[in-house]
Amino acid sequence: MSSLSAASVEASPAIEEAEQKKPLKPCCACPDTKKAQDACIIEKGEESCTGLIEAHKECMRALGFKI
């Protein structure tokens, strides 16, 4: 059984490393600011949510997206 545990432990870092190397997609970046922005736009309209829109843009820029 110890060889099974060792194999499981060795596989985990490799999987995590592969996931970290994948580029972050814009749809998955900044989920908190995106959710708040989207909810505001749906409820109040885009013109009433400029602060949340700008906060989301700043978050995206901080992650390297060119917006």
Foldseek 3Di string as FASTA:
>chain_A
DVVVVVVVVVVVVVVVVVVVPDDDDLVPFPVPLVVVQVVCCVVPNNVVRVVSVVVSVVSCVVSPDDD
